[in-house]
């Protein structure tokens, strides 16, 4: 079963970079991940995100306000 990875942000370059890193990390780990971009500012605010890009895995915010390194992305996916 695939895990759901959401990238929350306005769709800026930082958000796109974060999505790419999460995609690479999931492929390298052999984890099936559905990567979804959430660009609706109201939804982002409702979920308590103050700074973007943010990453949510299976609905839980696990990173906010920075682009993860590839190693950080892999650690987030493993937990």
N, C-alpha and C. Protein backbone atom coordinates (compact mmCIF):
# COMPACT_ATOMS: atom_id res chain seq x y z
N UNK A 1 0.84 -1.19 0.00
CA UNK A 1 0.00 0.00 0.00
C UNK A 1 0.88 1.25 0.00
N UNK A 2 0.53 2.20 -0.83
CA UNK A 2 1.31 3.43 -0.95
C UNK A 2 1.06 4.35 0.23
N UNK A 3 2.10 5.07 0.63
CA UNK A 3 1.91 6.09 1.64
C UNK A 3 1.58 7.40 0.92
N UNK A 4 0.86 8.26 1.61
CA UNK A 4 0.46 9.54 1.02
C UNK A 4 1.41 10.62 1.51
N UNK A 5 2.10 11.25 0.56
CA UNK A 5 3.03 12.34 0.88
C UNK A 5 2.44 13.61 0.26
N UNK A 6 2.18 14.58 1.11
CA UNK A 6 1.64 15.86 0.63
C UNK A 6 2.69 16.95 0.77
N UNK A 7 2.84 17.73 -0.27
CA UNK A 7 3.73 18.89 -0.24
C UNK A 7 2.81 20.10 -0.16
N UNK A 8 2.87 20.82 0.95
CA UNK A 8 2.01 21.98 1.16
C UNK A 8 2.79 23.25 0.87
N UNK A 9 2.26 24.05 -0.04
CA UNK A 9 2.92 25.31 -0.39
C UNK A 9 2.26 25.93 -1.60
N UNK A 10 2.72 27.09 -1.98
CA UNK A 10 2.08 27.87 -3.04
C UNK A 10 2.41 27.36 -4.44
N UNK A 11 3.28 26.38 -4.55
CA UNK A 11 3.69 25.91 -5.86
C UNK A 11 4.96 26.60 -6.33
N UNK A 12 5.65 27.24 -5.41
CA UNK A 12 6.89 27.96 -5.72
C UNK A 12 8.03 26.97 -6.01
N UNK A 13 9.17 27.49 -6.40
CA UNK A 13 10.33 26.67 -6.73
C UNK A 13 10.75 25.80 -5.53
N UNK A 14 10.68 26.35 -4.32
CA UNK A 14 11.06 25.59 -3.12
C UNK A 14 10.13 24.39 -2.91
N UNK A 15 8.84 24.60 -3.20
CA UNK A 15 7.86 23.52 -3.06
C UNK A 15 8.11 22.43 -4.10
N UNK A 16 8.42 22.85 -5.32
CA UNK A 16 8.70 21.89 -6.39
C UNK A 16 9.95 21.09 -6.08
N UNK A 17 10.97 21.75 -5.53
CA UNK A 17 12.21 21.08 -5.14
C UNK A 17 11.94 20.05 -4.04
N UNK A 18 11.11 20.43 -3.08
CA UNK A 18 10.76 19.52 -1.99
C UNK A 18 10.04 18.29 -2.54
N UNK A 19 9.11 18.49 -3.46
CA UNK A 19 8.38 17.36 -4.07
C UNK A 19 9.35 16.43 -4.79
N UNK A 20 10.30 17.00 -5.53
CA UNK A 20 11.27 16.21 -6.28
C UNK A 20 12.13 15.37 -5.33
N UNK A 21 12.60 15.99 -4.24
CA UNK A 21 13.43 15.27 -3.27
C UNK A 21 12.65 14.12 -2.63
N UNK A 22 11.40 14.37 -2.27
CA UNK A 22 10.59 13.31 -1.67
C UNK A 22 10.37 12.16 -2.66
N UNK A 23 10.21 12.52 -3.94
CA UNK A 23 10.02 11.50 -4.99
C UNK A 23 11.29 10.65 -5.15
N UNK A 24 12.44 11.30 -5.19
CA UNK A 24 13.71 10.58 -5.32
C UNK A 24 13.93 9.68 -4.11
N UNK A 25 13.68 10.19 -2.91
CA UNK A 25 13.87 9.42 -1.68
C UNK A 25 12.99 8.18 -1.68
N UNK A 26 11.73 8.33 -2.07
CA UNK A 26 10.83 7.17 -2.05
C UNK A 26 11.28 6.12 -3.06
N UNK A 27 11.75 6.56 -4.23
CA UNK A 27 12.23 5.61 -5.24
C UNK A 27 13.47 4.88 -4.75
N UNK A 28 14.41 5.62 -4.14
CA UNK A 28 15.65 5.00 -3.66
C UNK A 28 15.39 4.00 -2.54
N UNK A 29 14.36 4.27 -1.73
CA UNK A 29 14.02 3.36 -0.63
C UNK A 29 13.10 2.23 -1.08
N UNK A 30 12.58 2.33 -2.30
CA UNK A 30 11.65 1.32 -2.79
C UNK A 30 10.30 1.41 -2.11
N UNK A 31 9.95 2.64 -1.67
CA UNK A 31 8.66 2.87 -1.01
C UNK A 31 7.69 3.45 -2.04
N UNK A 32 6.52 2.84 -2.12
CA UNK A 32 5.49 3.36 -3.03
C UNK A 32 4.83 4.56 -2.36
N UNK A 33 4.94 5.71 -2.99
CA UNK A 33 4.40 6.94 -2.40
C UNK A 33 3.57 7.70 -3.42
N UNK A 34 2.39 8.14 -2.99
CA UNK A 34 1.57 9.04 -3.79
C UNK A 34 1.94 10.45 -3.35
N UNK A 35 2.59 11.19 -4.24
CA UNK A 35 3.02 12.53 -3.89
C UNK A 35 2.01 13.52 -4.46
N UNK A 36 1.41 14.29 -3.54
CA UNK A 36 0.33 15.21 -3.88
C UNK A 36 0.75 16.62 -3.48
N UNK A 37 0.48 17.58 -4.35
CA UNK A 37 0.76 18.98 -4.01
C UNK A 37 -0.52 19.62 -3.50
N UNK A 38 -0.42 20.28 -2.35
CA UNK A 38 -1.55 21.00 -1.77
C UNK A 38 -1.20 22.49 -1.87
N UNK A 39 -1.91 23.19 -2.77
CA UNK A 39 -1.60 24.61 -3.00
C UNK A 39 -2.69 25.55 -2.52
N UNK A 40 -3.77 25.00 -1.98
CA UNK A 40 -4.88 25.83 -1.47
C UNK A 40 -4.46 26.45 -0.15
N UNK A 41 -4.25 27.77 -0.16
CA UNK A 41 -3.73 28.47 1.02
C UNK A 41 -4.64 28.30 2.23
N UNK A 42 -5.94 28.24 2.03
CA UNK A 42 -6.86 28.05 3.15
C UNK A 42 -6.67 26.69 3.81
N UNK A 43 -6.49 25.66 2.98
CA UNK A 43 -6.25 24.32 3.53
C UNK A 43 -4.92 24.27 4.27
N UNK A 44 -3.90 24.92 3.72
CA UNK A 44 -2.58 24.95 4.35
C UNK A 44 -2.69 25.60 5.74
N UNK A 45 -3.39 26.72 5.82
CA UNK A 45 -3.56 27.43 7.09
C UNK A 45 -4.37 26.58 8.07
N UNK A 46 -5.45 25.97 7.59
CA UNK A 46 -6.30 25.11 8.44
C UNK A 46 -5.50 23.97 9.06
N UNK A 47 -4.49 23.52 8.35
CA UNK A 47 -3.68 22.40 8.85
C UNK A 47 -2.56 22.87 9.77
N UNK A 48 -2.52 24.16 10.05
CA UNK A 48 -1.58 24.69 11.04
C UNK A 48 -0.19 24.97 10.51
N UNK A 49 -0.04 25.01 9.19
CA UNK A 49 1.29 25.27 8.61
C UNK A 49 1.50 26.78 8.56
N UNK A 50 2.61 27.21 9.16
CA UNK A 50 2.93 28.64 9.20
C UNK A 50 3.93 28.99 8.11
N UNK A 51 4.92 28.11 7.89
CA UNK A 51 5.90 28.39 6.84
C UNK A 51 6.01 27.20 5.90
N UNK A 52 6.14 27.53 4.63
CA UNK A 52 6.21 26.51 3.59
C UNK A 52 7.61 26.50 2.98
N UNK A 53 8.01 25.47 2.31
CA UNK A 53 7.23 24.26 2.05
C UNK A 53 7.08 23.41 3.30
N UNK A 54 6.00 22.65 3.33
CA UNK A 54 5.78 21.70 4.42
C UNK A 54 5.50 20.33 3.80
N UNK A 55 5.81 19.30 4.58
CA UNK A 55 5.57 17.93 4.12
C UNK A 55 4.68 17.23 5.13
N UNK A 56 3.64 16.57 4.63
CA UNK A 56 2.77 15.74 5.48
C UNK A 56 2.86 14.31 4.95
N UNK A 57 3.00 13.37 5.87
CA UNK A 57 3.00 11.95 5.50
C UNK A 57 1.80 11.31 6.17
N UNK A 58 0.94 10.72 5.34
CA UNK A 58 -0.31 10.11 5.82
C UNK A 58 -1.09 11.07 6.72
N UNK A 59 -1.13 12.34 6.31
CA UNK A 59 -1.94 13.34 7.01
C UNK A 59 -1.26 14.07 8.15
N UNK A 60 -0.05 13.64 8.54
CA UNK A 60 0.65 14.28 9.67
C UNK A 60 1.78 15.16 9.16
N UNK A 61 1.78 16.43 9.60
CA UNK A 61 2.86 17.35 9.20
C UNK A 61 4.15 16.88 9.86
N UNK A 62 5.18 16.62 9.04
CA UNK A 62 6.45 16.12 9.57
C UNK A 62 7.60 17.08 9.33
N UNK A 63 7.38 18.09 8.50
CA UNK A 63 8.43 19.06 8.20
C UNK A 63 7.78 20.35 7.74
N UNK A 64 8.32 21.48 8.18
CA UNK A 64 7.74 22.76 7.78
C UNK A 64 8.83 23.83 7.68
N UNK A 65 8.75 24.64 6.64
CA UNK A 65 9.62 25.80 6.52
C UNK A 65 10.98 25.57 5.92
N UNK A 66 11.23 24.36 5.38
CA UNK A 66 12.53 24.14 4.75
C UNK A 66 12.46 23.02 3.73
N UNK A 67 13.44 23.01 2.86
CA UNK A 67 13.57 21.94 1.87
C UNK A 67 14.41 20.85 2.52
N UNK A 68 13.90 19.62 2.56
CA UNK A 68 14.69 18.55 3.19
C UNK A 68 15.86 18.12 2.31
N UNK A 69 16.93 17.66 2.96
CA UNK A 69 18.00 17.03 2.18
C UNK A 69 17.48 15.65 1.80
N UNK A 70 18.18 14.97 0.91
CA UNK A 70 17.76 13.63 0.52
C UNK A 70 17.76 12.69 1.72
N UNK A 71 18.78 12.81 2.57
CA UNK A 71 18.84 11.97 3.78
C UNK A 71 17.68 12.26 4.72
N UNK A 72 17.36 13.54 4.91
CA UNK A 72 16.22 13.90 5.77
C UNK A 72 14.92 13.32 5.21
N UNK A 73 14.75 13.43 3.89
CA UNK A 73 13.55 12.91 3.24
C UNK A 73 13.41 11.42 3.47
N UNK A 74 14.53 10.70 3.36
CA UNK A 74 14.50 9.24 3.58
C UNK A 74 14.12 8.92 5.01
N UNK A 75 14.66 9.67 5.97
CA UNK A 75 14.32 9.44 7.39
C UNK A 75 12.84 9.69 7.62
N UNK A 76 12.28 10.74 7.02
CA UNK A 76 10.86 11.04 7.19
C UNK A 76 10.00 9.91 6.63
N UNK A 77 10.40 9.37 5.49
CA UNK A 77 9.63 8.30 4.85
C UNK A 77 9.69 7.00 5.64
N UNK A 78 10.80 6.77 6.33
CA UNK A 78 10.96 5.52 7.09
C UNK A 78 10.13 5.49 8.37
N UNK A 79 9.80 6.67 8.92
CA UNK A 79 9.09 6.69 10.21
C UNK A 79 7.60 6.55 10.04
